[in-house]
Amino acid sequence: MANVPWHQEVVAFVQQLADMLPHYEIACEHEHSNCLLIAHTKFKVNGEWWTWINYDRFQELVQSHNDSEGQQSFSALDYVAKTPSWAVFGANEQGFDPADTRFQRRNKTKDISGC
């Protein structure tokens, strides 16, 4: 645990990295897992991130591809789902689904539940 960076340190590092990559931005974060998602801006539609996967649509597209013997193709943009507001980078929830229960460690001066 002594070698695990704080979430704020990870955010600062990833922001520096994203700043060096054209057409990429931080799209999502999950503070509890201490991770962020850098995504290509093609997944940012009308100012909103679409980084989640519509698995039903993906399976439909795979089936169509197989049925066409590879003639029908598709891309990631064909099966995207809108990123929930609580998962978008900068949201107050910091990636915590409001429907889930968050447990905090007791008697700690700093929350380390993200590690």
PDB file of N, CA and C in Angstrom:
ATOM      1  N   MET A   1       0.817  -1.188   0.000  1.00  0.00           N
ATOM      2  CA  MET A   1       0.000   0.000   0.000  1.00  0.00           C
ATOM      3  C   MET A   1       0.870   1.265   0.000  1.00  0.00           C
ATOM      4  N   ALA A   2       2.055   1.159   0.558  1.00  0.00           N
ATOM      5  CA  ALA A   2       2.922   2.335   0.623  1.00  0.00           C
ATOM      6  C   ALA A   2       3.340   2.804  -0.771  1.00  0.00           C
ATOM      7  N   ASN A   3       3.279   1.915  -1.761  1.00  0.00           N
ATOM      8  CA  ASN A   3       3.707   2.259  -3.114  1.00  0.00           C
ATOM      9  C   ASN A   3       2.559   2.590  -4.065  1.00  0.00           C
ATOM     10  N   VAL A   4       1.341   2.543  -3.565  1.00  0.00           N
ATOM     11  CA  VAL A   4       0.173   2.846  -4.406  1.00  0.00           C
ATOM     12  C   VAL A   4      -0.050   4.358  -4.403  1.00  0.00           C
ATOM     13  N   PRO A   5      -0.114   4.968  -5.592  1.00  0.00           N
ATOM     14  CA  PRO A   5      -0.322   6.422  -5.627  1.00  0.00           C
ATOM     15  C   PRO A   5      -1.752   6.791  -5.227  1.00  0.00           C
ATOM     16  N   TRP A   6      -1.908   7.996  -4.693  1.00  0.00           N
ATOM     17  CA  TRP A   6      -3.238   8.519  -4.390  1.00  0.00           C
ATOM     18  C   TRP A   6      -3.936   8.818  -5.701  1.00  0.00           C
ATOM     19  N   HIS A   7      -5.251   8.818  -5.652  1.00  0.00           N
ATOM     20  CA  HIS A   7      -6.036   9.056  -6.865  1.00  0.00           C
ATOM     21  C   HIS A   7      -5.691  10.413  -7.488  1.00  0.00           C
ATOM     22  N   GLN A   8      -5.488  11.428  -6.670  1.00  0.00           N
ATOM     23  CA  GLN A   8      -5.149  12.750  -7.189  1.00  0.00           C
ATOM     24  C   GLN A   8      -3.837  12.721  -7.974  1.00  0.00           C
ATOM     25  N   GLU A   9      -2.900  11.895  -7.532  1.00  0.00           N
ATOM     26  CA  GLU A   9      -1.625  11.759  -8.241  1.00  0.00           C
ATOM     27  C   GLU A   9      -1.833  11.072  -9.589  1.00  0.00           C
ATOM     28  N   VAL A  10      -2.693  10.067  -9.614  1.00  0.00           N
ATOM     29  CA  VAL A  10      -2.994   9.372 -10.866  1.00  0.00           C
ATOM     30  C   VAL A  10      -3.684  10.332 -11.835  1.00  0.00           C
ATOM     31  N   VAL A  11      -4.627  11.109 -11.344  1.00  0.00           N
ATOM     32  CA  VAL A  11      -5.327  12.086 -12.192  1.00  0.00           C
ATOM     33  C   VAL A  11      -4.327  13.067 -12.795  1.00  0.00           C
ATOM     34  N   ALA A  12      -3.416  13.587 -11.998  1.00  0.00           N
ATOM     35  CA  ALA A  12      -2.428  14.552 -12.496  1.00  0.00           C
ATOM     36  C   ALA A  12      -1.553  13.923 -13.580  1.00  0.00           C
ATOM     37  N   PHE A  13      -1.119  12.689 -13.366  1.00  0.00           N
ATOM     38  CA  PHE A  13      -0.280  11.996 -14.354  1.00  0.00           C
ATOM     39  C   PHE A  13      -1.054  11.755 -15.645  1.00  0.00           C
ATOM     40  N   VAL A  14      -2.278  11.252 -15.521  1.00  0.00           N
ATOM     41  CA  VAL A  14      -3.079  10.943 -16.711  1.00  0.00           C
ATOM     42  C   VAL A  14      -3.441  12.218 -17.464  1.00  0.00           C
ATOM     43  N   GLN A  15      -3.693  13.305 -16.756  1.00  0.00           N
ATOM     44  CA  GLN A  15      -3.989  14.573 -17.432  1.00  0.00           C
ATOM     45  C   GLN A  15      -2.788  15.022 -18.256  1.00  0.00           C
ATOM     46  N   GLN A  16      -1.589  14.886 -17.708  1.00  0.00           N
ATOM     47  CA  GLN A  16      -0.385  15.245 -18.461  1.00  0.00           C
ATOM     48  C   GLN A  16      -0.247  14.365 -19.702  1.00  0.00           C
ATOM     49  N   LEU A  17      -0.526  13.084 -19.550  1.00  0.00           N
ATOM     50  CA  LEU A  17      -0.452  12.157 -20.671  1.00  0.00           C
ATOM     51  C   LEU A  17      -1.486  12.505 -21.740  1.00  0.00           C
ATOM     52  N   ALA A  18      -2.719  12.740 -21.320  1.00  0.00           N
ATOM     53  CA  ALA A  18      -3.789  13.075 -22.272  1.00  0.00           C
ATOM     54  C   ALA A  18      -3.483  14.381 -23.008  1.00  0.00           C
ATOM     55  N   ASP A  19      -2.861  15.329 -22.327  1.00  0.00           N
ATOM     56  CA  ASP A  19      -2.519  16.603 -22.954  1.00  0.00           C
ATOM     57  C   ASP A  19      -1.525  16.430 -24.106  1.00  0.00           C
ATOM     58  N   MET A  20      -0.768  15.343 -24.083  1.00  0.00           N
ATOM     59  CA  MET A  20       0.223  15.081 -25.130  1.00  0.00           C
ATOM     60  C   MET A  20      -0.349  14.290 -26.306  1.00  0.00           C
ATOM     61  N   LEU A  21      -1.569  13.798 -26.162  1.00  0.00           N
ATOM     62  CA  LEU A  21      -2.169  12.953 -27.203  1.00  0.00           C
ATOM     63  C   LEU A  21      -3.244  13.722 -27.966  1.00  0.00           C
ATOM     64  N   PRO A  22      -3.006  14.015 -29.247  1.00  0.00           N
ATOM     65  CA  PRO A  22      -4.032  14.722 -30.010  1.00  0.00           C
ATOM     66  C   PRO A  22      -5.301  13.883 -30.125  1.00  0.00           C
ATOM     67  N   HIS A  23      -6.434  14.517 -29.993  1.00  0.00           N
ATOM     68  CA  HIS A  23      -7.748  13.888 -30.146  1.00  0.00           C
ATOM     69  C   HIS A  23      -8.097  12.907 -29.032  1.00  0.00           C
ATOM     70  N   TYR A  24      -7.419  12.990 -27.903  1.00  0.00           N
ATOM     71  CA  TYR A  24      -7.737  12.145 -26.750  1.00  0.00           C
ATOM     72  C   TYR A  24      -7.970  13.022 -25.524  1.00  0.00           C
ATOM     73  N   GLU A  25      -8.904  12.582 -24.688  1.00  0.00           N
ATOM     74  CA  GLU A  25      -9.195  13.282 -23.440  1.00  0.00           C
ATOM     75  C   GLU A  25      -9.517  12.252 -22.367  1.00  0.00           C
ATOM     76  N   ILE A  26      -9.484  12.698 -21.119  1.00  0.00           N
ATOM     77  CA  ILE A  26      -9.946  11.830 -20.039  1.00  0.00           C
ATOM     78  C   ILE A  26     -11.464  11.806 -20.116  1.00  0.00           C
ATOM     79  N   ALA A  27     -12.018  10.621 -20.267  1.00  0.00           N
ATOM     80  CA  ALA A  27     -13.464  10.469 -20.422  1.00  0.00           C
ATOM     81  C   ALA A  27     -14.128  10.032 -19.116  1.00  0.00           C
ATOM     82  N   CYS A  28     -13.530   9.084 -18.434  1.00  0.00           N
ATOM     83  CA  CYS A  28     -14.161   8.484 -17.251  1.00  0.00           C
ATOM     84  C   CYS A  28     -13.143   8.328 -16.134  1.00  0.00           C
ATOM     85  N   GLU A  29     -13.683   8.194 -14.949  1.00  0.00           N
ATOM     86  CA  GLU A  29     -12.831   7.857 -13.814  1.00  0.00           C
ATOM     87  C   GLU A  29     -13.598   6.951 -12.865  1.00  0.00           C
ATOM     88  N   HIS A  30     -12.831   6.179 -12.127  1.00  0.00           N
ATOM     89  CA  HIS A  30     -13.400   5.370 -11.056  1.00  0.00           C
ATOM     90  C   HIS A  30     -12.419   5.464  -9.897  1.00  0.00           C
ATOM     91  N   GLU A  31     -12.715   6.378  -8.995  1.00  0.00           N
ATOM     92  CA  GLU A  31     -11.792   6.667  -7.906  1.00  0.00           C
ATOM     93  C   GLU A  31     -11.518   5.433  -7.056  1.00  0.00           C
ATOM     94  N   HIS A  32     -12.523   4.603  -6.839  1.00  0.00           N
ATOM     95  CA  HIS A  32     -12.347   3.419  -6.003  1.00  0.00           C
ATOM     96  C   HIS A  32     -11.316   2.450  -6.598  1.00  0.00           C
ATOM     97  N   SER A  33     -11.263   2.370  -7.917  1.00  0.00           N
ATOM     98  CA  SER A  33     -10.288   1.506  -8.588  1.00  0.00           C
ATOM     99  C   SER A  33      -8.997   2.247  -8.912  1.00  0.00           C
ATOM    100  N   ASN A  34      -8.991   3.545  -8.635  1.00  0.00           N
ATOM    101  CA  ASN A  34      -7.817   4.370  -8.888  1.00  0.00           C
ATOM    102  C   ASN A  34      -7.441   4.346 -10.367  1.00  0.00           C
ATOM    103  N   CYS A  35      -8.459   4.466 -11.231  1.00  0.00           N
ATOM    104  CA  CYS A  35      -8.168   4.432 -12.658  1.00  0.00           C
ATOM    105  C   CYS A  35      -8.995   5.468 -13.416  1.00  0.00           C
ATOM    106  N   LEU A  36      -8.488   5.787 -14.604  1.00  0.00           N
ATOM    107  CA  LEU A  36      -9.149   6.718 -15.505  1.00  0.00           C
ATOM    108  C   LEU A  36      -9.131   6.123 -16.895  1.00  0.00           C
ATOM    109  N   LEU A  37     -10.048   6.585 -17.731  1.00  0.00           N
ATOM    110  CA  LEU A  37     -10.109   6.153 -19.119  1.00  0.00           C
ATOM    111  C   LEU A  37      -9.778   7.331 -20.011  1.00  0.00           C
ATOM    112  N   ILE A  38      -8.754   7.166 -20.840  1.00  0.00           N
ATOM    113  CA  ILE A  38      -8.447   8.144 -21.873  1.00  0.00           C
ATOM    114  C   ILE A  38      -9.105   7.616 -23.144  1.00  0.00           C
ATOM    115  N   ALA A  39      -9.949   8.430 -23.758  1.00  0.00           N
ATOM    116  CA  ALA A  39     -10.678   7.985 -24.946  1.00  0.00           C
ATOM    117  C   ALA A  39     -10.472   8.961 -26.100  1.00  0.00           C
ATOM    118  N   HIS A  40     -10.558   8.423 -27.301  1.00  0.00           N
ATOM    119  CA  HIS A  40     -10.507   9.251 -28.505  1.00  0.00           C
ATOM    120  C   HIS A  40     -11.763  10.114 -28.546  1.00  0.00           C
ATOM    121  N   THR A  41     -11.604  11.330 -28.993  1.00  0.00           N
ATOM    122  CA  THR A  41     -12.737  12.259 -28.995  1.00  0.00           C
ATOM    123  C   THR A  41     -13.836  11.864 -29.990  1.00  0.00           C
ATOM    124  N   LYS A  42     -13.596  10.860 -30.833  1.00  0.00           N
ATOM    125  CA  LYS A  42     -14.679  10.379 -31.704  1.00  0.00           C
ATOM    126  C   LYS A  42     -15.805   9.759 -30.873  1.00  0.00           C
ATOM    127  N   PHE A  43     -15.499   9.407 -29.616  1.00  0.00           N
ATOM    128  CA  PHE A  43     -16.510   8.857 -28.717  1.00  0.00           C
ATOM    129  C   PHE A  43     -17.201   9.947 -27.891  1.00  0.00           C
ATOM    130  N   LYS A  44     -16.891  11.203 -28.192  1.00  0.00           N
ATOM    131  CA  LYS A  44     -17.541  12.336 -27.535  1.00  0.00           C
ATOM    132  C   LYS A  44     -18.492  12.958 -28.555  1.00  0.00           C
ATOM    133  N   VAL A  45     -19.762  12.646 -28.422  1.00  0.00           N
ATOM    134  CA  VAL A  45     -20.770  13.056 -29.399  1.00  0.00           C
ATOM    135  C   VAL A  45     -21.593  14.203 -28.815  1.00  0.00           C
ATOM    136  N   ASN A  46     -21.592  15.329 -29.505  1.00  0.00           N
ATOM    137  CA  ASN A  46     -22.310  16.521 -29.043  1.00  0.00           C
ATOM    138  C   ASN A  46     -21.965  16.866 -27.589  1.00  0.00           C
ATOM    139  N   GLY A  47     -20.686  16.738 -27.265  1.00  0.00           N
ATOM    140  CA  GLY A  47     -20.213  17.095 -25.932  1.00  0.00           C
ATOM    141  C   GLY A  47     -20.447  16.044 -24.866  1.00  0.00           C
ATOM    142  N   GLU A  48     -20.979  14.881 -25.245  1.00  0.00           N
ATOM    143  CA  GLU A  48     -21.250  13.815 -24.267  1.00  0.00           C
ATOM    144  C   GLU A  48     -20.457  12.564 -24.639  1.00  0.00           C
ATOM    145  N   TRP A  49     -19.912  11.920 -23.615  1.00  0.00           N
ATOM    146  CA  TRP A  49     -19.127  10.714 -23.833  1.00  0.00           C
ATOM    147  C   TRP A  49     -20.020   9.497 -24.049  1.00  0.00           C
ATOM    148  N   TRP A  50     -19.615   8.677 -25.015  1.00  0.00           N
ATOM    149  CA  TRP A  50     -20.285   7.417 -25.336  1.00  0.00           C
ATOM    150  C   TRP A  50     -19.204   6.329 -25.302  1.00  0.00           C
ATOM    151  N   THR A  51     -18.741   5.997 -24.095  1.00  0.00           N
ATOM    152  CA  THR A  51     -17.631   5.052 -23.951  1.00  0.00           C
ATOM    153  C   THR A  51     -18.067   3.680 -23.445  1.00  0.00           C
ATOM    154  N   TRP A  52     -19.329   3.534 -23.163  1.00  0.00           N
ATOM    155  CA  TRP A  52     -19.796   2.242 -22.682  1.00  0.00           C
ATOM    156  C   TRP A  52     -20.233   1.380 -23.863  1.00  0.00           C
ATOM    157  N   ILE A  53     -20.412   0.106 -23.612  1.00  0.00           N
ATOM    158  CA  ILE A  53     -20.728  -0.841 -24.686  1.00  0.00           C
ATOM    159  C   ILE A  53     -22.177  -1.300 -24.577  1.00  0.00           C
ATOM    160  N   ASN A  54     -22.893  -1.209 -25.700  1.00  0.00           N
ATOM    161  CA  ASN A  54     -24.223  -1.789 -25.807  1.00  0.00           C
ATOM    162  C   ASN A  54     -24.012  -3.234 -26.253  1.00  0.00           C
ATOM    163  N   TYR A  55     -23.983  -4.158 -25.298  1.00  0.00           N
ATOM    164  CA  TYR A  55     -23.629  -5.546 -25.590  1.00  0.00           C
ATOM    165  C   TYR A  55     -24.657  -6.231 -26.483  1.00  0.00           C
ATOM    166  N   ASP A  56     -25.939  -5.911 -26.322  1.00  0.00           N
ATOM    167  CA  ASP A  56     -26.960  -6.510 -27.192  1.00  0.00           C
ATOM    168  C   ASP A  56     -26.725  -6.091 -28.649  1.00  0.00           C
ATOM    169  N   ARG A  57     -26.456  -4.802 -28.852  1.00  0.00           N
ATOM    170  CA  ARG A  57     -26.192  -4.316 -30.207  1.00  0.00           C
ATOM    171  C   ARG A  57     -24.919  -4.940 -30.758  1.00  0.00           C
ATOM    172  N   PHE A  58     -23.899  -5.090 -29.941  1.00  0.00           N
ATOM    173  CA  PHE A  58     -22.654  -5.716 -30.377  1.00  0.00           C
ATOM    174  C   PHE A  58     -22.919  -7.139 -30.865  1.00  0.00           C
ATOM    175  N   GLN A  59     -23.692  -7.897 -30.096  1.00  0.00           N
ATOM    176  CA  GLN A  59     -24.000  -9.278 -30.494  1.00  0.00           C
ATOM    177  C   GLN A  59     -24.791  -9.322 -31.802  1.00  0.00           C
ATOM    178  N   GLU A  60     -25.720  -8.376 -31.987  1.00  0.00           N
ATOM    179  CA  GLU A  60     -26.472  -8.288 -33.249  1.00  0.00           C
ATOM    180  C   GLU A  60     -25.523  -8.046 -34.421  1.00  0.00           C
ATOM    181  N   LEU A  61     -24.584  -7.147 -34.227  1.00  0.00           N
ATOM    182  CA  LEU A  61     -23.635  -6.822 -35.292  1.00  0.00           C
ATOM    183  C   LEU A  61     -22.713  -7.998 -35.603  1.00  0.00           C
ATOM    184  N   VAL A  62     -22.286  -8.712 -34.590  1.00  0.00           N
ATOM    185  CA  VAL A  62     -21.452  -9.897 -34.807  1.00  0.00           C
ATOM    186  C   VAL A  62     -22.240 -10.939 -35.585  1.00  0.00           C
ATOM    187  N   GLN A  63     -23.502 -11.138 -35.211  1.00  0.00           N
ATOM    188  CA  GLN A  63     -24.338 -12.110 -35.913  1.00  0.00           C
ATOM    189  C   GLN A  63     -24.526 -11.717 -37.378  1.00  0.00           C
ATOM    190  N   SER A  64     -24.780 -10.442 -37.629  1.00  0.00           N
ATOM    191  CA  SER A  64     -24.932  -9.960 -39.005  1.00  0.00           C
ATOM    192  C   SER A  64     -23.640 -10.148 -39.793  1.00  0.00           C
ATOM    193  N   HIS A  65     -22.525  -9.887 -39.150  1.00  0.00           N
ATOM    194  CA  HIS A  65     -21.216 -10.079 -39.782  1.00  0.00           C
ATOM    195  C   HIS A  65     -21.021 -11.549 -40.150  1.00  0.00           C
ATOM    196  N   ASN A  66     -21.344 -12.429 -39.216  1.00  0.00           N
ATOM    197  CA  ASN A  66     -21.192 -13.869 -39.471  1.00  0.00           C
ATOM    198  C   ASN A  66     -22.170 -14.349 -40.543  1.00  0.00           C
ATOM    199  N   ASP A  67     -23.405 -13.890 -40.475  1.00  0.00           N
ATOM    200  CA  ASP A  67     -24.416 -14.294 -41.458  1.00  0.00           C
ATOM    201  C   ASP A  67     -24.049 -13.844 -42.864  1.00  0.00           C
ATOM    202  N   SER A  68     -23.365 -12.716 -42.966  1.00  0.00           N
ATOM    203  CA  SER A  68     -22.966 -12.192 -44.278  1.00  0.00           C
ATOM    204  C   SER A  68     -21.625 -12.753 -44.727  1.00  0.00           C
ATOM    205  N   GLU A  69     -21.105 -13.710 -43.964  1.00  0.00           N
ATOM    206  CA  GLU A  69     -19.794 -14.314 -44.249  1.00  0.00           C
ATOM    207  C   GLU A  69     -18.695 -13.254 -44.346  1.00  0.00           C
ATOM    208  N   GLY A  70     -18.789 -12.292 -43.445  1.00  0.00           N
ATOM    209  CA  GLY A  70     -17.755 -11.267 -43.345  1.00  0.00           C
ATOM    210  C   GLY A  70     -17.949 -10.066 -44.236  1.00  0.00           C
ATOM    211  N   GLN A  71     -19.018 -10.041 -45.018  1.00  0.00           N
ATOM    212  CA  GLN A  71     -19.254  -8.916 -45.923  1.00  0.00           C
ATOM    213  C   GLN A  71     -19.748  -7.673 -45.192  1.00  0.00           C
ATOM    214  N   GLN A  72     -20.532  -7.866 -44.135  1.00  0.00           N
ATOM    215  CA  GLN A  72     -21.044  -6.725 -43.369  1.00  0.00           C
ATOM    216  C   GLN A  72     -20.086  -6.432 -42.230  1.00  0.00           C
ATOM    217  N   SER A  73     -19.546  -5.238 -42.216  1.00  0.00           N
ATOM    218  CA  SER A  73     -18.594  -4.868 -41.170  1.00  0.00           C
ATOM    219  C   SER A  73     -19.221  -3.830 -40.250  1.00  0.00           C
ATOM    220  N   PHE A  74     -18.534  -3.575 -39.159  1.00  0.00           N
ATOM    221  CA  PHE A  74     -19.000  -2.572 -38.201  1.00  0.00           C
ATOM    222  C   PHE A  74     -17.807  -2.052 -37.425  1.00  0.00           C
ATOM    223  N   SER A  75     -18.026  -0.945 -36.739  1.00  0.00           N
ATOM    224  CA  SER A  75     -16.956  -0.348 -35.933  1.00  0.00           C
ATOM    225  C   SER A  75     -17.459  -0.140 -34.507  1.00  0.00           C
ATOM    226  N   ALA A  76     -16.583   0.281 -33.662  1.00  0.00           N
ATOM    227  CA  ALA A  76     -16.939   0.519 -32.261  1.00  0.00           C
ATOM    228  C   ALA A  76     -18.047   1.554 -32.127  1.00  0.00           C
ATOM    229  N   LEU A  77     -18.098   2.507 -33.028  1.00  0.00           N
ATOM    230  CA  LEU A  77     -19.136   3.541 -32.956  1.00  0.00           C
ATOM    231  C   LEU A  77     -20.535   2.983 -33.220  1.00  0.00           C
ATOM    232  N   ASP A  78     -20.613   1.800 -33.785  1.00  0.00           N
ATOM    233  CA  ASP A  78     -21.913   1.183 -34.065  1.00  0.00           C
ATOM    234  C   ASP A  78     -22.548   0.535 -32.842  1.00  0.00           C
ATOM    235  N   TYR A  79     -21.796   0.343 -31.767  1.00  0.00           N
ATOM    236  CA  TYR A  79     -22.366  -0.311 -30.588  1.00  0.00           C
ATOM    237  C   TYR A  79     -22.033   0.410 -29.278  1.00  0.00           C
ATOM    238  N   VAL A  80     -21.796   1.704 -29.372  1.00  0.00           N
ATOM    239  CA  VAL A  80     -21.511   2.475 -28.161  1.00  0.00           C
ATOM    240  C   VAL A  80     -22.795   2.734 -27.368  1.00  0.00           C
ATOM    241  N   ALA A  81     -22.608   2.951 -26.091  1.00  0.00           N
ATOM    242  CA  ALA A  81     -23.702   3.368 -25.202  1.00  0.00           C
ATOM    243  C   ALA A  81     -23.222   4.609 -24.462  1.00  0.00           C
ATOM    244  N   LYS A  82     -24.165   5.451 -24.123  1.00  0.00           N
ATOM    245  CA  LYS A  82     -23.816   6.696 -23.437  1.00  0.00           C
ATOM    246  C   LYS A  82     -23.216   6.390 -22.063  1.00  0.00           C
ATOM    247  N   THR A  83     -22.153   7.085 -21.750  1.00  0.00           N
ATOM    248  CA  THR A  83     -21.512   6.943 -20.450  1.00  0.00           C
ATOM    249  C   THR A  83     -22.426   7.545 -19.383  1.00  0.00           C
ATOM    250  N   PRO A  84     -22.702   6.805 -18.301  1.00  0.00           N
ATOM    251  CA  PRO A  84     -23.538   7.384 -17.235  1.00  0.00           C
ATOM    252  C   PRO A  84     -22.879   8.632 -16.653  1.00  0.00           C
ATOM    253  N   SER A  85     -23.689   9.590 -16.274  1.00  0.00           N
ATOM    254  CA  SER A  85     -23.153  10.867 -15.784  1.00  0.00           C
ATOM    255  C   SER A  85     -22.236  10.683 -14.588  1.00  0.00           C
ATOM    256  N   TRP A  86     -22.506   9.693 -13.750  1.00  0.00           N
ATOM    257  CA  TRP A  86     -21.696   9.481 -12.554  1.00  0.00           C
ATOM    258  C   TRP A  86     -20.311   8.909 -12.873  1.00  0.00           C
ATOM    259  N   ALA A  87     -20.118   8.412 -14.101  1.00  0.00           N
ATOM    260  CA  ALA A  87     -18.834   7.827 -14.492  1.00  0.00           C
ATOM    261  C   ALA A  87     -17.966   8.797 -15.288  1.00  0.00           C
ATOM    262  N   VAL A  88     -18.541   9.902 -15.734  1.00  0.00           N
ATOM    263  CA  VAL A  88     -17.794  10.876 -16.531  1.00  0.00           C
ATOM    264  C   VAL A  88     -16.754  11.559 -15.652  1.00  0.00           C
ATOM    265  N   PHE A  89     -15.577  11.755 -16.215  1.00  0.00           N
ATOM    266  CA  PHE A  89     -14.501  12.411 -15.477  1.00  0.00           C
ATOM    267  C   PHE A  89     -14.959  13.782 -14.997  1.00  0.00           C
ATOM    268  N   GLY A  90     -14.742  14.049 -13.723  1.00  0.00           N
ATOM    269  CA  GLY A  90     -15.113  15.321 -13.129  1.00  0.00           C
ATOM    270  C   GLY A  90     -16.456  15.301 -12.415  1.00  0.00           C
ATOM    271  N   ALA A  91     -17.188  14.199 -12.536  1.00  0.00           N
ATOM    272  CA  ALA A  91     -18.480  14.105 -11.843  1.00  0.00           C
ATOM    273  C   ALA A  91     -18.254  14.039 -10.336  1.00  0.00           C
ATOM    274  N   ASN A  92     -19.190  14.554  -9.586  1.00  0.00           N
ATOM    275  CA  ASN A  92     -19.072  14.526  -8.119  1.00  0.00           C
ATOM    276  C   ASN A  92     -18.949  13.099  -7.583  1.00  0.00           C
ATOM    277  N   GLU A  93     -19.570  12.149  -8.246  1.00  0.00           N
ATOM    278  CA  GLU A  93     -19.556  10.750  -7.780  1.00  0.00           C
ATOM    279  C   GLU A  93     -18.215  10.069  -8.007  1.00  0.00           C
ATOM    280  N   GLN A  94     -17.373  10.620  -8.853  1.00  0.00           N
ATOM    281  CA  GLN A  94     -16.046  10.084  -9.176  1.00  0.00           C
ATOM    282  C   GLN A  94     -16.099   8.604  -9.562  1.00  0.00           C
ATOM    283  N   GLY A  95     -17.120   8.235 -10.325  1.00  0.00           N
ATOM    284  CA  GLY A  95     -17.212   6.870 -10.823  1.00  0.00           C
ATOM    285  C   GLY A  95     -17.979   5.918  -9.927  1.00  0.00           C
ATOM    286  N   PHE A  96     -18.497   6.407  -8.816  1.00  0.00           N
ATOM    287  CA  PHE A  96     -19.287   5.551  -7.928  1.00  0.00           C
ATOM    288  C   PHE A  96     -20.740   5.568  -8.388  1.00  0.00           C
ATOM    289  N   ASP A  97     -21.259   4.409  -8.735  1.00  0.00           N
ATOM    290  CA  ASP A  97     -22.666   4.295  -9.128  1.00  0.00           C
ATOM    291  C   ASP A  97     -23.524   4.634  -7.915  1.00  0.00           C
ATOM    292  N   PRO A  98     -24.396   5.627  -8.016  1.00  0.00           N
ATOM    293  CA  PRO A  98     -25.235   6.007  -6.874  1.00  0.00           C
ATOM    294  C   PRO A  98     -26.134   4.873  -6.381  1.00  0.00           C
ATOM    295  N   ALA A  99     -26.366   3.877  -7.228  1.00  0.00           N
ATOM    296  CA  ALA A  99     -27.192   2.740  -6.821  1.00  0.00           C
ATOM    297  C   ALA A  99     -26.417   1.752  -5.948  1.00  0.00           C
ATOM    298  N   ASP A 100     -25.094   1.875  -5.905  1.00  0.00           N
ATOM    299  CA  ASP A 100     -24.258   0.993  -5.094  1.00  0.00           C
ATOM    300  C   ASP A 100     -24.007   1.603  -3.725  1.00  0.00           C
ATOM    301  N   THR A 101     -23.629   0.765  -2.781  1.00  0.00           N
ATOM    302  CA  THR A 101     -23.298   1.222  -1.436  1.00  0.00           C
ATOM    303  C   THR A 101     -21.786   1.366  -1.327  1.00  0.00           C
ATOM    304  N   ARG A 102     -21.357   2.520  -0.889  1.00  0.00           N
ATOM    305  CA  ARG A 102     -19.931   2.776  -0.710  1.00  0.00           C
ATOM    306  C   ARG A 102     -19.578   2.589   0.756  1.00  0.00           C
ATOM    307  N   PHE A 103     -18.535   1.828   1.006  1.00  0.00           N
ATOM    308  CA  PHE A 103     -18.069   1.596   2.364  1.00  0.00           C
ATOM    309  C   PHE A 103     -16.763   2.346   2.578  1.00  0.00           C
ATOM    310  N   GLN A 104     -16.692   3.088   3.663  1.00  0.00           N
ATOM    311  CA  GLN A 104     -15.494   3.839   4.009  1.00  0.00           C
ATOM    312  C   GLN A 104     -14.833   3.165   5.209  1.00  0.00           C
ATOM    313  N   ARG A 105     -13.520   3.153   5.209  1.00  0.00           N
ATOM    314  CA  ARG A 105     -12.798   2.620   6.364  1.00  0.00           C
ATOM    315  C   ARG A 105     -12.966   3.573   7.536  1.00  0.00           C
ATOM    316  N   ARG A 106     -13.051   3.017   8.712  1.00  0.00           N
ATOM    317  CA  ARG A 106     -13.236   3.841   9.915  1.00  0.00           C
ATOM    318  C   ARG A 106     -11.892   4.266  10.493  1.00  0.00           C
ATOM    319  N   ASN A 107     -11.949   5.353  11.235  1.00  0.00           N
ATOM    320  CA  ASN A 107     -10.802   5.851  11.998  1.00  0.00           C
ATOM    321  C   ASN A 107      -9.587   6.162  11.140  1.00  0.00           C
ATOM    322  N   LYS A 108      -9.821   6.610   9.935  1.00  0.00           N
ATOM    323  CA  LYS A 108      -8.718   7.027   9.072  1.00  0.00           C
ATOM    324  C   LYS A 108      -8.866   8.516   8.814  1.00  0.00           C
ATOM    325  N   THR A 109      -7.768   9.211   8.811  1.00  0.00           N
ATOM    326  CA  THR A 109      -7.829  10.645   8.557  1.00  0.00           C
ATOM    327  C   THR A 109      -7.982  10.914   7.055  1.00  0.00           C
ATOM    328  N   LYS A 110      -7.567   9.965   6.228  1.00  0.00           N
ATOM    329  CA  LYS A 110      -7.692  10.122   4.785  1.00  0.00           C
ATOM    330  C   LYS A 110      -8.356   8.880   4.225  1.00  0.00           C
ATOM    331  N   ASP A 111      -9.329   9.057   3.322  1.00  0.00           N
ATOM    332  CA  ASP A 111     -10.036   7.937   2.734  1.00  0.00           C
ATOM    333  C   ASP A 111      -9.070   7.171   1.822  1.00  0.00           C
ATOM    334  N   ILE A 112      -8.820   5.907   2.135  1.00  0.00           N
ATOM    335  CA  ILE A 112      -7.948   5.080   1.299  1.00  0.00           C
ATOM    336  C   ILE A 112      -8.734   3.947   0.661  1.00  0.00           C
ATOM    337  N   SER A 113     -10.058   4.099   0.601  1.00  0.00           N
ATOM    338  CA  SER A 113     -10.867   3.025   0.044  1.00  0.00           C
ATOM    339  C   SER A 113     -10.628   2.838  -1.457  1.00  0.00           C
ATOM    340  N   GLY A 114      -9.973   3.799  -2.091  1.00  0.00           N
ATOM    341  CA  GLY A 114      -9.702   3.682  -3.508  1.00  0.00           C
ATOM    342  C   GLY A 114      -8.522   2.799  -3.829  1.00  0.00           C
ATOM    343  N   CYS A 115      -7.849   2.301  -2.833  1.00  0.00           N
ATOM    344  CA  CYS A 115      -6.666   1.482  -3.069  1.00  0.00           C
ATOM    345  C   CYS A 115      -6.961   0.023  -2.801  1.00  0.00           C
TER     346      CYS A 115
END
